């Protein structure tokens, strides 16, 4: 077994290497502490979100029981694509619908579609709908 040298017996190079090793150990301990703190914060956030969703679901259920409507956010999308999804839902009956019919149906669903023509053009480019004749659409 090698005997440890005292600080007085070490060369400058050995002292420098010892200091570097000690510094690396301290940095690694700090990184481990930060990782542990990060994991703790993530777990706390996850629990908070789960509790929040559960409470919101209970409130939404109560609102529905009272006859009210609850607006869904559509998950992570934040409500984007609502017009497109509703148009596809309306067209899913396999009948031909004119743009006027679609606007009326969207109004019944509570969706404002000021840009319906752009939405229909987008859905056509995506291959989700077809236009057998002018201003008439059917699901592809």
C-alpha atoms as a PDB file:
ATOM      1  CA  UNK A   1       0.000   0.000   0.000  1.00  0.00           C
ATOM      2  CA  UNK A   2       1.353   3.397  -0.958  1.00  0.00           C
ATOM      3  CA  UNK A   3       1.889   5.794   1.870  1.00  0.00           C
ATOM      4  CA  UNK A   4       0.221   9.182   1.450  1.00  0.00           C
ATOM      5  CA  UNK A   5       2.561  12.103   1.269  1.00  0.00           C
ATOM      6  CA  UNK A   6       1.988  15.114   3.410  1.00  0.00           C
ATOM      7  CA  UNK A   7       1.396  18.424   1.721  1.00  0.00           C
ATOM      8  CA  UNK A   8       4.893  19.587   2.623  1.00  0.00           C
ATOM      9  CA  UNK A   9       6.447  16.629   0.781  1.00  0.00           C
ATOM     10  CA  UNK A  10       4.480  17.109  -2.468  1.00  0.00           C
ATOM     11  CA  UNK A  11       5.821  18.834  -5.536  1.00  0.00           C
ATOM     12  CA  UNK A  12       3.998  21.750  -7.097  1.00  0.00           C
ATOM     13  CA  UNK A  13       2.810  19.504  -9.951  1.00  0.00           C
ATOM     14  CA  UNK A  14       1.412  16.915  -7.494  1.00  0.00           C
ATOM     15  CA  UNK A  15      -0.356  19.639  -5.513  1.00  0.00           C
ATOM     16  CA  UNK A  16      -1.826  21.034  -8.716  1.00  0.00           C
ATOM     17  CA  UNK A  17      -3.101  17.589  -9.803  1.00  0.00           C
ATOM     18  CA  UNK A  18      -4.536  16.969  -6.326  1.00  0.00           C
ATOM     19  CA  UNK A  19      -6.344  20.327  -6.420  1.00  0.00           C
ATOM     20  CA  UNK A  20      -7.726  19.575  -9.893  1.00  0.00           C
ATOM     21  CA  UNK A  21      -8.989  16.160  -8.758  1.00  0.00           C
ATOM     22  CA  UNK A  22     -10.587  17.677  -5.662  1.00  0.00           C
ATOM     23  CA  UNK A  23     -12.238  20.370  -7.813  1.00  0.00           C
ATOM     24  CA  UNK A  24     -13.615  17.715 -10.198  1.00  0.00           C
ATOM     25  CA  UNK A  25     -15.022  15.752  -7.223  1.00  0.00           C
ATOM     26  CA  UNK A  26     -16.731  18.881  -5.881  1.00  0.00           C
ATOM     27  CA  UNK A  27     -18.211  19.706  -9.298  1.00  0.00           C
ATOM     28  CA  UNK A  28     -19.538  16.155  -9.646  1.00  0.00           C
ATOM     29  CA  UNK A  29     -21.141  16.362  -6.189  1.00  0.00           C
ATOM     30  CA  UNK A  30     -22.763  19.675  -7.158  1.00  0.00           C
ATOM     31  CA  UNK A  31     -24.052  18.157 -10.423  1.00  0.00           C
ATOM     32  CA  UNK A  32     -25.512  15.190  -8.524  1.00  0.00           C
ATOM     33  CA  UNK A  33     -27.207  17.554  -6.062  1.00  0.00           C
ATOM     34  CA  UNK A  34     -28.633  19.577  -8.957  1.00  0.00           C
ATOM     35  CA  UNK A  35     -29.883  16.401 -10.700  1.00  0.00           C
ATOM     36  CA  UNK A  36     -31.580  15.268  -7.502  1.00  0.00           C
ATOM     37  CA  UNK A  37     -33.183  18.694  -7.045  1.00  0.00           C
ATOM     38  CA  UNK A  38     -34.305  18.695 -10.685  1.00  0.00           C
ATOM     39  CA  UNK A  39     -35.901  15.250 -10.357  1.00  0.00           C
ATOM     40  CA  UNK A  40     -37.638  16.363  -7.184  1.00  0.00           C
ATOM     41  CA  UNK A  41     -39.016  19.487  -8.911  1.00  0.00           C
ATOM     42  CA  UNK A  42     -40.192  17.430 -11.920  1.00  0.00           C
ATOM     43  CA  UNK A  43     -41.995  14.967  -9.650  1.00  0.00           C
ATOM     44  CA  UNK A  44     -43.602  17.866  -7.775  1.00  0.00           C
ATOM     45  CA  UNK A  45     -44.758  19.406 -11.070  1.00  0.00           C
ATOM     46  CA  UNK A  46     -46.169  16.091 -12.277  1.00  0.00           C
ATOM     47  CA  UNK A  47     -48.145  15.629  -9.055  1.00  0.00           C
ATOM     48  CA  UNK A  48     -49.447  19.199  -9.238  1.00  0.00           C
ATOM     49  CA  UNK A  49     -50.596  18.750 -12.861  1.00  0.00           C
ATOM     50  CA  UNK A  50     -52.336  15.476 -12.014  1.00  0.00           C
ATOM     51  CA  UNK A  51     -54.147  17.099  -9.097  1.00  0.00           C
ATOM     52  CA  UNK A  52     -55.050  20.096 -11.279  1.00  0.00           C
ATOM     53  CA  UNK A  53     -56.509  17.891 -14.043  1.00  0.00           C
ATOM     54  CA  UNK A  54     -58.492  15.897 -11.498  1.00  0.00           C
ATOM     55  CA  UNK A  55     -59.953  19.039  -9.924  1.00  0.00           C
ATOM     56  CA  UNK A  56     -60.786  20.503 -13.345  1.00  0.00           C
ATOM     57  CA  UNK A  57     -62.533  17.284 -14.362  1.00  0.00           C
ATOM     58  CA  UNK A  58     -64.654  17.422 -11.200  1.00  0.00           C
ATOM     59  CA  UNK A  59     -65.610  21.056 -11.855  1.00  0.00           C
ATOM     60  CA  UNK A  60     -66.373  20.305 -15.533  1.00  0.00           C
ATOM     61  CA  UNK A  61     -68.602  17.396 -14.482  1.00  0.00           C
ATOM     62  CA  UNK A  62     -70.482  19.666 -12.085  1.00  0.00           C
ATOM     63  CA  UNK A  63     -70.963  22.271 -14.825  1.00  0.00           C
ATOM     64  CA  UNK A  64     -72.319  19.606 -17.182  1.00  0.00           C
ATOM     65  CA  UNK A  65     -74.691  18.337 -14.467  1.00  0.00           C
ATOM     66  CA  UNK A  66     -76.062  21.850 -14.182  1.00  0.00           C
ATOM     67  CA  UNK A  67     -76.673  21.927 -17.928  1.00  0.00           C
ATOM     68  CA  UNK A  68     -73.725  24.092 -18.880  1.00  0.00           C
ATOM     69  CA  UNK A  69     -71.181  23.486 -21.616  1.00  0.00           C
ATOM     70  CA  UNK A  70     -67.491  23.126 -20.986  1.00  0.00           C
ATOM     71  CA  UNK A  71     -65.112  24.179 -23.685  1.00  0.00           C
ATOM     72  CA  UNK A  72     -62.331  21.662 -24.232  1.00  0.00           C
ATOM     73  CA  UNK A  73     -58.837  22.916 -24.979  1.00  0.00           C
ATOM     74  CA  UNK A  74     -58.098  19.940 -27.199  1.00  0.00           C
ATOM     75  CA  UNK A  75     -55.137  18.619 -25.231  1.00  0.00           C
ATOM     76  CA  UNK A  76     -51.695  19.958 -26.009  1.00  0.00           C
ATOM     77  CA  UNK A  77     -52.665  21.622 -29.260  1.00  0.00           C
ATOM     78  CA  UNK A  78     -54.276  24.508 -27.392  1.00  0.00           C
ATOM     79  CA  UNK A  79     -57.411  24.445 -29.547  1.00  0.00           C
ATOM     80  CA  UNK A  80     -55.642  24.751 -32.903  1.00  0.00           C
ATOM     81  CA  UNK A  81     -57.211  22.854 -35.782  1.00  0.00           C
ATOM     82  CA  UNK A  82     -60.681  23.138 -34.324  1.00  0.00           C
ATOM     83  CA  UNK A  83     -62.211  24.395 -37.570  1.00  0.00           C
ATOM     84  CA  UNK A  84     -60.479  21.678 -39.620  1.00  0.00           C
ATOM     85  CA  UNK A  85     -61.547  18.929 -37.237  1.00  0.00           C
ATOM     86  CA  UNK A  86     -65.134  20.166 -37.167  1.00  0.00           C
ATOM     87  CA  UNK A  87     -65.268  20.393 -40.974  1.00  0.00           C
ATOM     88  CA  UNK A  88     -64.001  16.813 -41.219  1.00  0.00           C
ATOM     89  CA  UNK A  89     -66.594  15.731 -38.653  1.00  0.00           C
ATOM     90  CA  UNK A  90     -69.383  17.405 -40.650  1.00  0.00           C
ATOM     91  CA  UNK A  91     -68.186  15.876 -43.925  1.00  0.00           C
ATOM     92  CA  UNK A  92     -67.843  12.413 -42.378  1.00  0.00           C
ATOM     93  CA  UNK A  93     -71.495  11.595 -43.266  1.00  0.00           C
ATOM     94  CA  UNK A  94     -70.272  11.050 -46.868  1.00  0.00           C
ATOM     95  CA  UNK A  95     -72.764  13.555 -48.315  1.00  0.00           C
ATOM     96  CA  UNK A  96     -71.783  16.491 -50.474  1.00  0.00           C
ATOM     97  CA  UNK A  97     -71.849  19.802 -48.639  1.00  0.00           C
ATOM     98  CA  UNK A  98     -71.663  23.281 -50.097  1.00  0.00           C
ATOM     99  CA  UNK A  99     -69.658  26.006 -48.404  1.00  0.00           C
ATOM    100  CA  UNK A 100     -72.943  27.595 -47.268  1.00  0.00           C
ATOM    101  CA  UNK A 101     -74.017  24.321 -45.662  1.00  0.00           C
ATOM    102  CA  UNK A 102     -70.629  23.986 -43.991  1.00  0.00           C
ATOM    103  CA  UNK A 103     -70.806  27.518 -42.569  1.00  0.00           C
ATOM    104  CA  UNK A 104     -74.284  26.811 -41.178  1.00  0.00           C
ATOM    105  CA  UNK A 105     -73.148  23.507 -39.644  1.00  0.00           C
ATOM    106  CA  UNK A 106     -70.074  25.142 -38.137  1.00  0.00           C
ATOM    107  CA  UNK A 107     -72.299  27.817 -36.598  1.00  0.00           C
ATOM    108  CA  UNK A 108     -74.427  25.047 -35.051  1.00  0.00           C
ATOM    109  CA  UNK A 109     -71.258  23.586 -33.543  1.00  0.00           C
ATOM    110  CA  UNK A 110     -70.321  27.008 -32.177  1.00  0.00           C
ATOM    111  CA  UNK A 111     -67.292  27.391 -34.431  1.00  0.00           C
ATOM    112  CA  UNK A 112     -66.578  30.724 -36.105  1.00  0.00           C
ATOM    113  CA  UNK A 113     -64.946  30.109 -39.477  1.00  0.00           C
ATOM    114  CA  UNK A 114     -64.010  33.438 -40.984  1.00  0.00           C
ATOM    115  CA  UNK A 115     -61.289  31.648 -42.957  1.00  0.00           C
ATOM    116  CA  UNK A 116     -63.339  28.652 -44.133  1.00  0.00           C
ATOM    117  CA  UNK A 117     -62.086  28.898 -47.729  1.00  0.00           C
ATOM    118  CA  UNK A 118     -58.464  28.692 -46.566  1.00  0.00           C
ATOM    119  CA  UNK A 119     -59.321  25.766 -44.293  1.00  0.00           C
ATOM    120  CA  UNK A 120     -61.028  23.901 -47.137  1.00  0.00           C
ATOM    121  CA  UNK A 121     -58.070  24.566 -49.457  1.00  0.00           C
ATOM    122  CA  UNK A 122     -55.693  23.264 -46.772  1.00  0.00           C
ATOM    123  CA  UNK A 123     -57.751  20.099 -46.262  1.00  0.00           C
ATOM    124  CA  UNK A 124     -57.828  19.537 -50.052  1.00  0.00           C
ATOM    125  CA  UNK A 125     -54.032  19.868 -50.250  1.00  0.00           C
ATOM    126  CA  UNK A 126     -53.722  17.390 -47.402  1.00  0.00           C
ATOM    127  CA  UNK A 127     -55.899  14.956 -49.347  1.00  0.00           C
ATOM    128  CA  UNK A 128     -58.489  14.758 -46.565  1.00  0.00           C
ATOM    129  CA  UNK A 129     -61.370  16.153 -48.628  1.00  0.00           C
ATOM    130  CA  UNK A 130     -62.298  16.352 -52.321  1.00  0.00           C
ATOM    131  CA  UNK A 131     -64.288  18.843 -54.330  1.00  0.00           C
ATOM    132  CA  UNK A 132     -66.394  17.020 -56.939  1.00  0.00           C
ATOM    133  CA  UNK A 133     -67.719  20.349 -58.233  1.00  0.00           C
ATOM    134  CA  UNK A 134     -67.271  24.012 -57.498  1.00  0.00           C
ATOM    135  CA  UNK A 135     -67.976  25.020 -53.844  1.00  0.00           C
ATOM    136  CA  UNK A 136     -69.004  21.455 -52.967  1.00  0.00           C
ATOM    137  CA  UNK A 137     -66.970  19.217 -50.721  1.00  0.00           C
ATOM    138  CA  UNK A 138     -66.963  15.588 -49.625  1.00  0.00           C
ATOM    139  CA  UNK A 139     -64.625  13.566 -47.408  1.00  0.00           C
ATOM    140  CA  UNK A 140     -61.819  11.865 -49.390  1.00  0.00           C
END
